[in-house]
Amino acid sequence: MRSGVHRKQAPPEQTNAESYYFLKQMQNKTPMVVMLDDGNEVHGWIEWYDKDCIKLNRTEGPNLMLYKHSIRYMFKEEELRQRRRRTRE
């Protein structure tokens, strides 16, 4: 290797972004929409999470423990309401 030439460091494996996001949503009891790989959509707020699962509390229906690998994506329920309002206008 030539002197003075530095290789770019690899990004860290753990950024804590997931942890920060989940903690923020848990503290605020943010209503969430969780889209599952099988096409089902579930609504609730995140009570806790770990490496493999999240526990979703729901007002309509039983609380659920969802494996993270079965989640396609999730977003705040507020965003769904905003999207619906925009399409009506």
Protein backbone atom coordinates (compact mmCIF):
# COMPACT_ATOMS: atom_id res chain seq x y z
CA MET A 1 0.00 0.00 0.00
CA ARG A 2 1.29 3.45 -0.86
CA SER A 3 1.95 5.79 2.01
CA GLY A 4 -0.57 8.57 2.43
CA VAL A 5 -3.39 6.55 0.81
CA HIS A 6 -6.10 5.52 3.27
CA ARG A 7 -8.80 2.99 2.64
CA LYS A 8 -12.34 4.05 3.38
CA GLN A 9 -13.60 2.46 6.57
CA ALA A 10 -16.49 0.04 6.34
CA PRO A 11 -19.72 1.34 7.87
CA PRO A 12 -20.53 0.06 11.35
CA GLU A 13 -22.68 -3.05 11.50
CA GLN A 14 -24.89 -1.53 14.19
CA THR A 15 -26.09 2.05 13.70
CA ASN A 16 -28.74 1.97 16.45
CA ALA A 17 -31.22 3.60 14.04
CA GLU A 18 -33.72 0.77 14.54
CA SER A 19 -33.38 0.98 18.30
CA TYR A 20 -33.86 4.75 18.27
CA TYR A 21 -36.94 4.48 16.04
CA PHE A 22 -38.61 1.78 18.13
CA LEU A 23 -37.86 3.52 21.43
CA LYS A 24 -39.33 6.79 20.17
CA GLN A 25 -42.52 5.10 18.94
CA MET A 26 -42.83 3.11 22.19
CA GLN A 27 -42.45 6.18 24.42
CA ASN A 28 -45.08 8.13 22.47
CA LYS A 29 -47.38 5.09 22.02
CA THR A 30 -47.54 6.14 18.38
CA PRO A 31 -50.36 4.39 16.47
CA MET A 32 -48.65 2.34 13.76
CA VAL A 33 -49.67 0.45 10.63
CA VAL A 34 -47.70 -2.76 10.07
CA MET A 35 -47.84 -4.38 6.64
CA LEU A 36 -47.00 -8.08 6.75
CA ASP A 37 -45.41 -10.19 4.03
CA ASP A 38 -48.70 -12.07 3.53
CA GLY A 39 -50.51 -8.82 2.64
CA ASN A 40 -52.30 -8.36 5.97
CA GLU A 41 -52.34 -4.93 7.57
CA VAL A 42 -52.42 -4.63 11.37
CA HIS A 43 -52.83 -1.49 13.47
CA GLY A 44 -51.60 -0.81 17.00
CA TRP A 45 -48.75 0.62 19.04
CA ILE A 46 -45.44 -1.00 19.86
CA GLU A 47 -45.14 -2.09 23.50
CA TRP A 48 -41.68 -3.68 23.23
CA TYR A 49 -39.24 -5.16 20.76
CA ASP A 50 -36.19 -7.37 20.74
CA LYS A 51 -33.79 -8.73 18.15
CA ASP A 52 -36.43 -10.90 16.46
CA CYS A 53 -39.91 -9.64 17.44
CA ILE A 54 -42.14 -6.69 18.23
CA LYS A 55 -45.21 -6.75 20.47
CA LEU A 56 -48.05 -4.77 18.96
CA ASN A 57 -50.87 -3.71 21.29
CA ARG A 58 -54.23 -3.23 19.62
CA THR A 59 -57.56 -1.73 20.68
CA GLU A 60 -59.50 -3.91 18.24
CA GLY A 61 -58.44 -7.52 18.54
CA PRO A 62 -55.83 -9.35 20.57
CA ASN A 63 -52.31 -8.02 21.05
CA LEU A 64 -49.79 -9.59 18.68
CA MET A 65 -46.18 -10.67 18.83
CA LEU A 66 -44.82 -10.31 15.30
CA TYR A 67 -41.58 -11.73 14.01
CA LYS A 68 -39.60 -8.97 12.31
CA HIS A 69 -38.88 -11.20 9.31
CA SER A 70 -42.66 -11.33 8.62
CA ILE A 71 -42.95 -7.51 8.44
CA ARG A 72 -42.76 -5.97 4.97
CA TYR A 73 -42.82 -2.38 6.27
CA MET A 74 -44.44 -0.16 8.89
CA PHE A 75 -45.39 3.48 9.19
CA LYS A 76 -47.22 5.88 11.48
CA GLU A 77 -51.01 5.68 11.24
CA GLU A 78 -51.04 9.48 11.01
CA GLU A 79 -49.38 9.20 7.58
CA LEU A 80 -52.23 6.97 6.37
CA ARG A 81 -54.83 9.58 7.45
CA GLN A 82 -52.86 12.35 5.71
CA ARG A 83 -52.62 10.30 2.51
CA ARG A 84 -56.38 9.65 2.52
CA ARG A 85 -57.13 13.37 3.05
CA ARG A 86 -54.94 14.30 0.06
CA THR A 87 -56.69 11.84 -2.26
CA ARG A 88 -60.15 13.28 -1.36
CA GLU A 89 -59.11 16.84 -2.20
